[in-house]
Amino acid sequence: MKIDLHNHSYYSDGVLSPTEVVNLAKQEGCDIFSLTDHDTTDGLLEAQKQADEVGLKLVHGVEISAMWSNMTIHILGLNVDINNPIFQAGLKQHQDFRQLRAEKMARGLGGAGVFSALEKVKVVAKKGMITRTHFAQMLIQEGVCKDMRSVFKRFLTGKKPGGVGGQWAQFDEVIGWIHAAGGKAVLAHPLRYRMTNTKIKRLLSHLSGAGLDGVEVVTGSSSKDEITLVSQWATQFDLLVSSGSDYHGWPNQRTRIGRLHDMPNVNQTVWKDW
């Protein structure tokens, strides 16, 4: 089976509509698919309608930012009840912060000579959710920077003009929101956090102790060696394993929906009971 449980639409920082993302997943031969926009489930009703239309099994999901040891990590909530009030109250807390952060980022960029940044970035973001990626795309379109890497290096991190620190909920609270909605909490792309392997293992230990259900072993950019390594960690910390491309549809992103390496621990998958 072809299973891809990490994808984005324009309800967060993806390019395509939920309908277009579902159609693409169907074209790529996915059997089970999840839409996991950042800190919002607003695109799922449209995605579900299209999934029913084309005969695709859709898992309701979300990707939630969280704090661990003063660092931002991402936890996927998979197979969640999007009507759960505790879950949605938590997401609303993050959505409010994203709006506040966007305003602060725009003020910082204005001080660096990038004027009307908020108005310009709202044109780039097709829906209400404004992310750092939208600011990056705007700065590239304005000719201020040539690519994503230079944008983040010059403007959007640390004490740079558009750098605003995260004020997300702590990891154990986020796991609690997901469990309140009946979902599985899965650490997304564990090798992308600029940590040593020792620190990643400490992260997995802390999160598993707080009720984390699984870890994303296969991503759209994983090498076979990386898959083997994270698979071993999953076994070590008694975690389920998941697979997701983290598709956004950006022009410079080579990741494709459903184009994933095989999962080594097939008896340990997060979807085995679905």
Protein backbone atom coordinates (compact mmCIF):
# COMPACT_ATOMS: atom_id res chain seq x y z
CA MET A 1 0.00 0.00 0.00
CA LYS A 2 1.11 3.57 -0.67
CA ILE A 3 0.61 5.66 2.46
CA ASP A 4 1.49 9.35 2.88
CA LEU A 5 0.50 10.94 6.20
CA HIS A 6 2.17 14.39 6.05
CA ASN A 7 1.04 16.98 3.47
CA HIS A 8 0.05 20.63 3.28
CA SER A 9 -2.45 22.80 1.44
CA TYR A 10 -2.82 26.57 1.14
CA TYR A 11 -4.69 26.60 4.44
CA SER A 12 -1.19 26.78 5.94
CA ASP A 13 2.00 27.10 3.86
CA GLY A 14 1.26 24.79 0.94
CA VAL A 15 0.54 26.00 -2.59
CA LEU A 16 -2.46 23.90 -3.64
CA SER A 17 -6.05 23.77 -2.39
CA PRO A 18 -7.14 20.72 -0.36
CA THR A 19 -9.07 19.51 -3.42
CA GLU A 20 -5.96 19.76 -5.60
CA VAL A 21 -3.78 18.02 -3.01
CA VAL A 22 -6.26 15.13 -2.70
CA ASN A 23 -6.48 14.80 -6.48
CA LEU A 24 -2.68 14.70 -6.70
CA ALA A 25 -2.52 12.01 -4.01
CA LYS A 26 -5.03 9.95 -5.98
CA GLN A 27 -3.07 10.42 -9.22
CA GLU A 28 0.12 9.28 -7.45
CA GLY A 29 -1.62 6.08 -6.37
CA CYS A 30 -1.95 6.74 -2.63
CA ASP A 31 -4.19 4.32 -0.73
CA ILE A 32 -4.17 6.26 2.55
CA PHE A 33 -3.45 9.97 2.73
CA SER A 34 -3.46 12.71 5.36
CA LEU A 35 -3.69 16.48 5.10
CA THR A 36 -1.69 17.96 7.99
CA ASP A 37 -1.69 21.73 7.75
CA HIS A 38 0.14 23.75 10.40
CA ASP A 39 -1.98 24.44 13.50
CA THR A 40 -5.28 24.30 11.60
CA THR A 41 -7.82 21.73 10.42
CA ASP A 42 -9.78 24.23 8.30
CA GLY A 43 -8.93 22.50 5.01
CA LEU A 44 -10.12 19.04 6.06
CA LEU A 45 -13.81 19.37 5.22
CA GLU A 46 -12.96 20.30 1.62
CA ALA A 47 -10.34 17.53 1.52
CA GLN A 48 -12.83 14.96 2.85
CA LYS A 49 -15.44 15.92 0.28
CA GLN A 50 -12.94 15.43 -2.55
CA ALA A 51 -11.52 12.23 -1.03
CA ASP A 52 -15.05 10.77 -0.96
CA GLU A 53 -15.49 11.89 -4.58
CA VAL A 54 -12.34 10.13 -5.84
CA GLY A 55 -12.41 7.15 -3.47
CA LEU A 56 -9.35 7.92 -1.34
CA LYS A 57 -9.02 7.04 2.36
CA LEU A 58 -8.37 10.38 4.11
CA VAL A 59 -6.90 10.49 7.62
CA HIS A 60 -7.73 13.76 9.36
CA GLY A 61 -4.50 15.33 10.53
CA VAL A 62 -2.65 18.45 11.65
CA GLU A 63 0.97 19.50 12.25
CA ILE A 64 1.32 21.34 15.56
CA SER A 65 4.30 23.41 16.64
CA ALA A 66 5.51 22.72 20.18
CA MET A 67 8.31 23.72 22.53
CA TRP A 68 10.91 21.29 23.87
CA SER A 69 14.02 22.49 25.71
CA ASN A 70 13.48 26.03 24.32
CA MET A 71 13.40 24.66 20.76
CA THR A 72 10.51 24.45 18.31
CA ILE A 73 9.55 20.94 17.20
CA HIS A 74 6.58 19.70 15.15
CA ILE A 75 4.14 17.03 16.30
CA LEU A 76 1.64 15.48 13.91
CA GLY A 77 -1.84 14.70 15.18
CA LEU A 78 -3.19 11.84 13.05
CA ASN A 79 -6.71 10.43 12.92
CA VAL A 80 -8.04 13.25 15.08
CA ASP A 81 -11.64 14.25 15.79
CA ILE A 82 -11.61 17.79 14.45
CA ASN A 83 -14.71 18.69 16.45
CA ASN A 84 -13.09 18.08 19.84
CA PRO A 85 -13.28 21.37 21.83
CA ILE A 86 -10.03 20.89 23.81
CA PHE A 87 -8.13 20.17 20.61
CA GLN A 88 -9.57 23.15 18.75
CA ALA A 89 -9.01 25.50 21.70
CA GLY A 90 -5.34 24.54 21.62
CA LEU A 91 -5.08 25.17 17.89
CA LYS A 92 -6.81 28.56 18.34
CA GLN A 93 -4.13 29.52 20.86
CA HIS A 94 -1.47 28.88 18.20
CA GLN A 95 -3.43 30.60 15.45
CA ASP A 96 -3.68 33.74 17.60
CA PHE A 97 0.08 33.66 18.18
CA ARG A 98 0.74 33.26 14.45
CA GLN A 99 -1.26 36.43 13.79
CA LEU A 100 0.64 38.34 16.48
CA ARG A 101 3.96 37.00 15.16
CA ALA A 102 3.12 38.10 11.61
CA GLU A 103 2.48 41.65 12.82
CA LYS A 104 5.80 41.70 14.75
CA MET A 105 7.69 40.28 11.77
CA ALA A 106 6.20 42.94 9.48
CA ARG A 107 7.24 45.72 11.88
CA GLY A 108 10.77 44.33 12.06
CA LEU A 109 11.03 44.12 8.28
CA GLY A 110 9.72 47.67 8.00
CA GLY A 111 12.60 48.81 10.17
CA ALA A 112 14.94 47.12 7.70
CA GLY A 113 13.41 48.96 4.75
CA VAL A 114 10.86 46.35 3.61
CA PHE A 115 7.71 48.47 3.80
CA SER A 116 4.04 47.32 3.81
CA ALA A 117 5.29 43.78 4.49
CA LEU A 118 2.04 42.62 6.12
CA GLU A 119 -0.12 43.85 3.25
CA LYS A 120 2.22 42.23 0.72
CA VAL A 121 2.39 38.91 2.56
CA LYS A 122 -1.41 38.72 2.79
CA VAL A 123 -1.47 38.61 -1.02
CA VAL A 124 0.90 35.62 -0.97
CA ALA A 125 -1.09 33.73 1.72
CA LYS A 126 -4.29 32.50 0.09
CA LYS A 127 -6.03 31.98 3.43
CA GLY A 128 -5.86 33.70 6.83
CA MET A 129 -2.93 31.67 8.19
CA ILE A 130 0.35 33.56 7.70
CA THR A 131 3.57 31.60 8.16
CA ARG A 132 7.26 32.44 7.93
CA THR A 133 7.27 30.69 4.56
CA HIS A 134 4.79 33.24 3.24
CA PHE A 135 7.10 36.06 4.36
CA ALA A 136 9.99 34.29 2.65
CA GLN A 137 8.03 33.93 -0.59
CA MET A 138 7.08 37.61 -0.44
CA LEU A 139 10.70 38.71 0.03
CA ILE A 140 11.75 36.59 -2.95
CA GLN A 141 8.94 38.01 -5.10
CA GLU A 142 9.96 41.54 -4.09
CA GLY A 143 13.52 40.80 -5.23
CA VAL A 144 14.93 41.37 -1.74
CA CYS A 145 16.39 37.83 -1.64
CA LYS A 146 17.00 35.23 -4.31
CA ASP A 147 15.98 32.06 -2.45
CA MET A 148 14.57 30.62 0.79
CA ARG A 149 17.96 29.98 2.34
CA SER A 150 19.10 33.58 1.96
CA VAL A 151 15.77 34.91 3.27
CA PHE A 152 16.00 32.98 6.52
CA LYS A 153 19.71 33.75 6.90
CA ARG A 154 19.24 37.50 6.42
CA PHE A 155 15.80 38.21 7.83
CA LEU A 156 13.69 35.59 9.57
CA THR A 157 15.70 33.91 12.34
CA GLY A 158 17.14 34.83 15.71
CA LYS A 159 17.77 38.56 16.13
CA LYS A 160 17.44 39.34 12.42
CA PRO A 161 14.88 42.05 11.43
CA GLY A 162 12.00 39.58 10.96
CA GLY A 163 13.03 37.10 13.62
CA VAL A 164 10.34 36.47 16.25
CA GLY A 165 10.77 33.71 18.82
CA GLY A 166 8.20 30.93 19.09
CA GLN A 167 5.64 31.00 21.88
CA TRP A 168 4.11 27.60 21.27
CA ALA A 169 2.62 25.28 23.86
CA GLN A 170 4.93 22.79 25.56
CA PHE A 171 5.25 19.34 23.95
CA ASP A 172 3.30 17.52 26.68
CA GLU A 173 0.37 19.94 26.33
CA VAL A 174 0.29 19.45 22.54
CA ILE A 175 0.31 15.67 22.96
CA GLY A 176 -2.61 16.11 25.37
CA TRP A 177 -4.62 18.07 22.78
CA ILE A 178 -4.10 15.32 20.21
CA HIS A 179 -5.08 12.56 22.64
CA ALA A 180 -8.17 14.53 23.71
CA ALA A 181 -9.22 14.37 20.05
CA GLY A 182 -8.63 10.60 19.96
CA GLY A 183 -5.59 10.95 17.68
CA LYS A 184 -2.06 9.61 17.54
CA ALA A 185 0.77 12.02 18.37
CA VAL A 186 3.76 11.53 16.04
CA LEU A 187 7.04 13.47 16.04
CA ALA A 188 7.54 14.88 12.54
CA HIS A 189 10.88 14.68 10.64
CA PRO A 190 13.15 14.04 13.67
CA LEU A 191 16.39 14.58 11.73
CA ARG A 192 15.47 18.11 10.66
CA TYR A 193 15.94 19.88 13.98
CA ARG A 194 19.69 20.57 13.81
CA MET A 195 20.35 18.38 16.83
CA THR A 196 23.02 15.79 17.47
CA ASN A 197 21.84 12.18 17.47
CA THR A 198 22.33 12.13 21.24
CA LYS A 199 20.00 15.10 21.66
CA ILE A 200 17.38 13.61 19.31
CA LYS A 201 17.37 10.47 21.44
CA ARG A 202 16.86 12.62 24.53
CA LEU A 203 13.97 14.35 22.74
CA LEU A 204 12.40 10.99 21.90
CA SER A 205 12.87 9.81 25.48
CA HIS A 206 11.15 12.90 26.92
CA LEU A 207 8.31 12.82 24.39
CA SER A 208 7.67 9.09 24.72
CA GLY A 209 7.53 9.59 28.48
CA ALA A 210 4.84 12.23 27.91
CA GLY A 211 2.73 9.89 25.80
CA LEU A 212 4.09 10.35 22.28
CA ASP A 213 2.69 7.53 20.13
CA GLY A 214 5.06 7.48 17.19
CA VAL A 215 7.83 8.99 15.11
CA GLU A 216 8.03 9.77 11.40
CA VAL A 217 10.59 7.27 10.11
CA VAL A 218 10.15 7.80 6.36
CA THR A 219 10.00 11.35 4.95
CA GLY A 220 10.18 12.72 1.43
CA SER A 221 13.89 13.47 1.85
CA SER A 222 14.99 10.44 3.90
CA SER A 223 17.96 8.36 2.83
CA LYS A 224 17.90 4.61 3.46
CA ASP A 225 20.52 5.02 6.19
CA GLU A 226 18.40 7.66 7.92
CA ILE A 227 15.35 5.41 7.75
CA THR A 228 17.31 2.57 9.33
CA LEU A 229 18.56 4.87 12.11
CA VAL A 230 15.18 6.37 13.03
CA SER A 231 13.56 2.95 12.77
CA GLN A 232 16.03 1.69 15.39
CA TRP A 233 15.17 4.61 17.66
CA ALA A 234 11.46 3.86 17.27
CA THR A 235 12.08 0.32 18.49
CA GLN A 236 14.31 1.56 21.32
CA PHE A 237 11.66 3.96 22.64
CA ASP A 238 8.69 1.67 21.90
CA LEU A 239 7.19 4.07 19.36
CA LEU A 240 4.98 3.43 16.36
CA VAL A 241 6.36 4.44 12.96
CA SER A 242 4.88 6.73 10.32
CA SER A 243 5.56 7.81 6.76
CA GLY A 244 4.94 11.19 5.13
CA SER A 245 6.38 13.26 2.32
CA ASP A 246 5.84 16.73 3.88
CA TYR A 247 4.61 17.91 0.48
CA HIS A 248 3.98 21.66 0.08
CA GLY A 249 4.03 22.13 -3.69
CA TRP A 250 6.64 24.90 -3.67
CA PRO A 251 8.28 25.36 -7.10
CA ASN A 252 11.75 24.58 -5.69
CA GLN A 253 10.65 21.55 -3.66
CA ARG A 254 11.55 18.20 -5.19
CA THR A 255 9.35 16.23 -2.78
CA ARG A 256 6.40 14.45 -4.41
CA ILE A 257 3.30 13.07 -2.74
CA GLY A 258 3.54 9.31 -2.24
CA ARG A 259 7.13 9.05 -3.52
CA LEU A 260 8.51 7.42 -0.39
CA HIS A 261 10.88 4.62 0.53
CA ASP A 262 9.39 1.45 2.00
CA MET A 263 8.77 1.25 5.73
CA PRO A 264 11.10 -1.29 7.40
CA ASN A 265 9.02 -2.04 10.52
CA VAL A 266 5.67 -2.88 8.95
CA ASN A 267 4.31 -4.42 12.17
CA GLN A 268 4.90 -1.19 14.08
CA THR A 269 3.02 1.28 11.88
CA VAL A 270 0.79 3.99 13.30
CA TRP A 271 -1.93 3.02 10.82
CA LYS A 272 -2.00 -0.73 11.63
CA ASP A 273 -5.31 -0.41 13.54
CA TRP A 274 -6.98 1.86 10.99
